[in-house]
Amino acid sequence: MFSFLKDHPFAVEAFFESSLVLTYAVPKEQLAHLVPKCLEVETFDDKWGFVALAMVQTKNLRPKGFPEYLGNDFFLTGYRVFVRYTSAIGKKYRGLYILKSETNKRKMAFFGNIFTHYKYTTTDITLTETNDRLQINSQKSGLNVVVATETTEVPLPENSPFKNWKEARKFAGPLPFTFTYTPEAQEVLIIEGVRKNWKPQPVKVLAQHSDFLESLQLKGMVLANAFIIKNIPYWWKKGRKELWQL
């Protein structure tokens, strides 16, 4: 009865204290079954598709225009596929399709599942930061990521399909749009994100494991890049829908 509430019915704003994103390259045919028919897998060299693990420390998430003290602080891990969408009038969009979302706060999961289609679950998340490295760990989710944050000369990950960091930056996120598809109504929900001063810095990955990524059984998956950003104001516009037609 109130399913319309999931369609991002109002604009939302937040502050990203940090956002660490690991992007994995996967042979494109391995990802096609993970996205709905209205979307295409974004590719590089017509061979690679990409799935990203984003780990975000968020403060003061609230409806846009509300005072900060009404906001919520939480940690988010999200798994997204890089995709493209062509609208009914032929306009092309580049964005993300969300596979899974986890948070360390039950309140965030509760309200996130009321106002989005992202299917939040709660988990334990421990963030440990020193002068030269950052570790994010979840025992429940089987997640462990360790990166060096003070390395001045950061090489691309071994076996990355990119020739240099300039190429890799195009697949560092965040992409402008996020998409959800409702097959019963054949509707595409488009959410546009707006940010300023997004200057991701490459980091060296010292260790990385995710039970969820392992569960996807993606053959030929390699780490393509890893970036971190800090102290970024961010907001999402109210969602808008359009009918999708073959």
Protein backbone atom coordinates (compact mmCIF):
# COMPACT_ATOMS: atom_id res chain seq x y z
CA MET A 1 0.00 0.00 0.00
CA PHE A 2 2.83 2.39 0.81
CA SER A 3 5.32 1.00 -1.70
CA PHE A 4 5.71 4.47 -3.22
CA LEU A 5 7.70 5.44 -0.12
CA LYS A 6 10.57 3.29 -1.37
CA ASP A 7 10.97 5.53 -4.42
CA HIS A 8 13.14 8.15 -2.67
CA PRO A 9 10.18 10.51 -2.18
CA PHE A 10 12.30 13.43 -0.94
CA ALA A 11 15.84 14.78 -1.31
CA VAL A 12 18.40 13.59 1.25
CA GLU A 13 21.72 15.07 2.35
CA ALA A 14 24.71 13.80 4.33
CA PHE A 15 28.39 14.33 5.01
CA PHE A 16 30.94 11.68 4.02
CA GLU A 17 33.74 11.62 6.58
CA SER A 18 35.44 9.03 4.40
CA SER A 19 34.63 6.82 1.45
CA LEU A 20 36.91 3.95 0.49
CA VAL A 21 36.06 2.25 -2.81
CA LEU A 22 37.60 -0.90 -4.25
CA THR A 23 36.63 -1.53 -7.86
CA TYR A 24 36.98 -4.97 -9.42
CA ALA A 25 37.19 -5.70 -13.12
CA VAL A 26 35.22 -8.72 -14.32
CA PRO A 27 34.74 -10.13 -17.83
CA LYS A 28 31.53 -8.37 -18.90
CA GLU A 29 29.57 -11.56 -19.59
CA GLN A 30 30.01 -12.51 -15.92
CA LEU A 31 27.98 -9.48 -14.79
CA ALA A 32 25.11 -9.42 -17.28
CA HIS A 33 22.84 -11.66 -15.19
CA LEU A 34 23.20 -9.42 -12.13
CA VAL A 35 21.52 -6.34 -13.62
CA PRO A 36 17.91 -5.92 -14.85
CA LYS A 37 17.11 -5.96 -18.56
CA CYS A 38 16.72 -2.18 -18.74
CA LEU A 39 20.40 -1.65 -17.91
CA GLU A 40 23.64 -2.43 -19.73
CA VAL A 41 26.90 -3.30 -18.04
CA GLU A 42 29.38 -0.43 -18.35
CA THR A 43 32.48 -1.73 -20.13
CA PHE A 44 36.12 -0.88 -20.68
CA ASP A 45 37.90 -2.02 -23.85
CA ASP A 46 34.67 -3.87 -24.69
CA LYS A 47 35.87 -6.64 -22.38
CA TRP A 48 35.67 -5.61 -18.74
CA GLY A 49 32.70 -4.80 -16.57
CA PHE A 50 33.06 -3.50 -13.02
CA VAL A 51 31.68 -4.18 -9.57
CA ALA A 52 32.61 -1.89 -6.69
CA LEU A 53 32.75 -2.27 -2.94
CA ALA A 54 32.14 1.09 -1.24
CA MET A 55 32.77 1.57 2.49
CA VAL A 56 31.47 4.90 3.72
CA GLN A 57 31.52 6.64 7.10
CA THR A 58 28.47 8.91 6.96
CA LYS A 59 27.34 11.70 9.29
CA ASN A 60 24.08 13.61 9.66
CA LEU A 61 22.03 11.77 7.02
CA ARG A 62 18.66 13.53 6.91
CA PRO A 63 16.00 14.96 4.59
CA LYS A 64 17.56 17.89 2.73
CA GLY A 65 17.03 21.15 4.58
CA PHE A 66 16.53 19.54 7.99
CA PRO A 67 18.95 20.57 10.79
CA GLU A 68 22.03 18.41 11.31
CA TYR A 69 21.02 17.30 14.80
CA LEU A 70 18.13 15.33 13.26
CA GLY A 71 20.55 13.36 11.09
CA ASN A 72 21.91 9.87 11.59
CA ASP A 73 25.54 8.72 11.70
CA PHE A 74 26.31 5.25 10.38
CA PHE A 75 28.75 3.12 8.43
CA LEU A 76 27.71 1.70 5.07
CA THR A 77 29.10 -1.03 2.87
CA GLY A 78 27.57 -1.26 -0.57
CA TYR A 79 28.15 -3.46 -3.60
CA ARG A 80 27.37 -1.86 -6.97
CA VAL A 81 27.71 -2.70 -10.66
CA PHE A 82 28.70 0.06 -13.09
CA VAL A 83 25.90 0.37 -15.66
CA ARG A 84 24.43 2.48 -18.45
CA TYR A 85 20.79 3.30 -19.08
CA THR A 86 19.14 4.71 -22.20
CA SER A 87 15.85 6.52 -21.55
CA ALA A 88 12.71 6.30 -23.68
CA ILE A 89 13.72 9.51 -25.49
CA GLY A 90 17.25 8.26 -26.11
CA LYS A 91 19.08 10.10 -23.33
CA LYS A 92 22.04 8.13 -22.03
CA TYR A 93 22.91 7.86 -18.34
CA ARG A 94 25.95 6.40 -16.62
CA GLY A 95 25.46 5.11 -13.10
CA LEU A 96 25.25 2.27 -10.60
CA TYR A 97 23.01 -0.68 -9.86
CA ILE A 98 23.07 -1.74 -6.21
CA LEU A 99 23.42 -5.44 -5.40
CA LYS A 100 23.65 -5.27 -1.60
CA SER A 101 23.74 -2.72 1.23
CA GLU A 102 24.87 -3.23 4.82
CA THR A 103 25.00 -0.86 7.77
CA ASN A 104 26.09 -0.99 11.39
CA LYS A 105 22.93 0.77 12.64
CA ARG A 106 19.52 -0.92 12.90
CA LYS A 107 17.80 2.46 12.71
CA MET A 108 19.45 3.14 9.37
CA ALA A 109 18.46 -0.29 8.05
CA PHE A 110 14.86 0.25 9.20
CA PHE A 111 14.39 3.64 7.57
CA GLY A 112 16.56 2.73 4.58
CA ASN A 113 14.21 -0.14 3.78
CA ILE A 114 11.18 2.14 4.06
CA PHE A 115 12.49 4.84 1.74
CA THR A 116 14.71 2.89 -0.70
CA HIS A 117 14.87 -0.39 -2.62
CA TYR A 118 18.40 -1.09 -1.40
CA LYS A 119 17.52 -3.98 0.94
CA TYR A 120 19.63 -2.94 3.91
CA THR A 121 20.80 -5.48 6.45
CA THR A 122 22.70 -4.84 9.66
CA THR A 123 26.15 -6.14 10.44
CA ASP A 124 29.14 -5.51 12.69
CA ILE A 125 31.72 -3.12 11.28
CA THR A 126 35.02 -2.18 12.91
CA LEU A 127 37.11 0.66 11.51
CA THR A 128 40.71 0.93 12.70
CA GLU A 129 42.87 3.82 11.51
CA THR A 130 46.52 4.63 12.19
CA ASN A 131 48.87 7.17 10.64
CA ASP A 132 49.62 5.02 7.63
CA ARG A 133 46.86 2.47 7.22
CA LEU A 134 43.13 1.87 7.45
CA GLN A 135 41.40 -1.43 8.21
CA ILE A 136 37.68 -2.16 7.83
CA ASN A 137 36.50 -5.48 9.21
CA SER A 138 33.21 -7.30 9.69
CA GLN A 139 33.18 -10.73 11.31
CA LYS A 140 29.51 -11.32 10.52
CA SER A 141 29.82 -10.37 6.84
CA GLY A 142 33.23 -11.90 6.23
CA LEU A 143 34.71 -8.57 5.16
CA ASN A 144 38.29 -7.49 5.68
CA VAL A 145 40.01 -4.63 3.83
CA VAL A 146 43.37 -3.08 4.71
CA VAL A 147 44.88 -0.17 2.77
CA ALA A 148 48.01 1.94 3.13
CA THR A 149 46.97 5.60 3.25
CA GLU A 150 50.34 7.39 3.34
CA THR A 151 51.99 5.89 0.28
CA THR A 152 53.19 8.63 -2.08
CA GLU A 153 53.86 6.45 -5.12
CA VAL A 154 50.88 4.13 -5.47
CA PRO A 155 51.12 1.49 -8.21
CA LEU A 156 48.01 0.19 -9.89
CA PRO A 157 46.90 -3.18 -8.54
CA GLU A 158 48.56 -6.15 -10.18
CA ASN A 159 46.58 -7.34 -13.23
CA SER A 160 44.50 -4.15 -13.37
CA PRO A 161 43.17 -3.61 -16.91
CA PHE A 162 44.04 0.10 -16.71
CA LYS A 163 47.27 1.54 -18.06
CA ASN A 164 47.40 4.39 -15.56
CA TRP A 165 45.51 6.11 -12.74
CA LYS A 166 43.91 8.58 -15.18
CA GLU A 167 42.10 5.70 -16.86
CA ALA A 168 41.29 4.13 -13.51
CA ARG A 169 39.81 7.39 -12.20
CA LYS A 170 36.89 7.06 -14.66
CA PHE A 171 35.81 3.98 -12.73
CA ALA A 172 36.38 5.31 -9.23
CA GLY A 173 32.85 6.53 -8.49
CA PRO A 174 30.62 7.91 -7.52
CA LEU A 175 28.74 7.91 -10.78
CA PRO A 176 26.00 10.53 -11.08
CA PHE A 177 23.02 8.18 -11.07
CA THR A 178 21.72 5.10 -9.28
CA PHE A 179 19.00 2.93 -10.85
CA THR A 180 16.28 0.61 -9.57
CA TYR A 181 13.93 -1.37 -11.78
CA THR A 182 10.41 -2.58 -10.93
CA PRO A 183 9.59 -5.35 -13.42
CA GLU A 184 5.89 -5.54 -12.52
CA ALA A 185 5.36 -1.91 -13.50
CA GLN A 186 8.25 -1.81 -15.99
CA GLU A 187 9.44 1.37 -14.31
CA VAL A 188 12.96 2.65 -13.86
CA LEU A 189 13.67 4.74 -10.76
CA ILE A 190 16.50 7.23 -11.27
CA ILE A 191 18.26 8.85 -8.30
CA GLU A 192 20.78 11.59 -9.00
CA GLY A 193 23.60 12.33 -6.58
CA VAL A 194 25.25 15.73 -6.25
CA ARG A 195 28.65 16.34 -4.65
CA LYS A 196 31.47 18.90 -4.55
CA ASN A 197 35.26 18.67 -4.26
CA TRP A 198 35.33 14.98 -5.09
CA LYS A 199 39.07 14.33 -5.33
CA PRO A 200 39.77 10.64 -4.80
CA GLN A 201 43.28 9.64 -3.80
CA PRO A 202 44.73 6.28 -4.86
CA VAL A 203 45.56 3.88 -2.05
CA LYS A 204 47.53 0.65 -1.96
CA VAL A 205 45.49 -2.39 -0.97
CA LEU A 206 47.37 -4.58 1.50
CA ALA A 207 44.60 -7.11 2.10
CA GLN A 208 41.07 -7.60 0.83
CA HIS A 209 38.37 -10.23 1.21
CA SER A 210 34.58 -10.18 0.95
CA ASP A 211 32.33 -13.19 1.47
CA PHE A 212 29.64 -11.50 -0.63
CA LEU A 213 31.94 -11.02 -3.62
CA GLU A 214 33.09 -14.62 -3.23
CA SER A 215 29.45 -15.76 -3.25
CA LEU A 216 28.91 -14.19 -6.69
CA GLN A 217 31.43 -16.69 -8.14
CA LEU A 218 32.66 -14.21 -10.74
CA LYS A 219 35.32 -15.88 -12.84
CA GLY A 220 38.32 -13.80 -13.86
CA MET A 221 37.70 -11.01 -11.31
CA VAL A 222 40.71 -8.81 -10.54
CA LEU A 223 41.19 -5.70 -8.41
CA ALA A 224 41.25 -2.76 -10.82
CA ASN A 225 41.68 0.28 -8.57
CA ALA A 226 41.26 1.60 -5.03
CA PHE A 227 40.55 5.19 -3.99
CA ILE A 228 39.68 7.08 -0.82
CA ILE A 229 38.05 10.49 -0.34
CA LYS A 230 37.42 12.43 2.86
CA ASN A 231 35.15 15.22 4.11
CA ILE A 232 32.65 15.54 1.28
CA PRO A 233 29.15 17.07 1.50
CA TYR A 234 26.74 14.98 -0.60
CA TRP A 235 23.06 14.99 -1.42
CA TRP A 236 20.60 12.98 -3.48
CA LYS A 237 17.74 14.47 -5.42
CA LYS A 238 14.20 13.16 -5.10
CA GLY A 239 13.80 9.98 -7.16
CA ARG A 240 12.04 10.16 -10.51
CA LYS A 241 10.47 7.34 -12.48
CA GLU A 242 9.89 6.60 -16.12
CA LEU A 243 8.41 3.70 -18.02
CA TRP A 244 10.91 1.48 -19.75
CA GLN A 245 10.18 -0.02 -23.12
CA LEU A 246 12.12 -2.48 -25.20
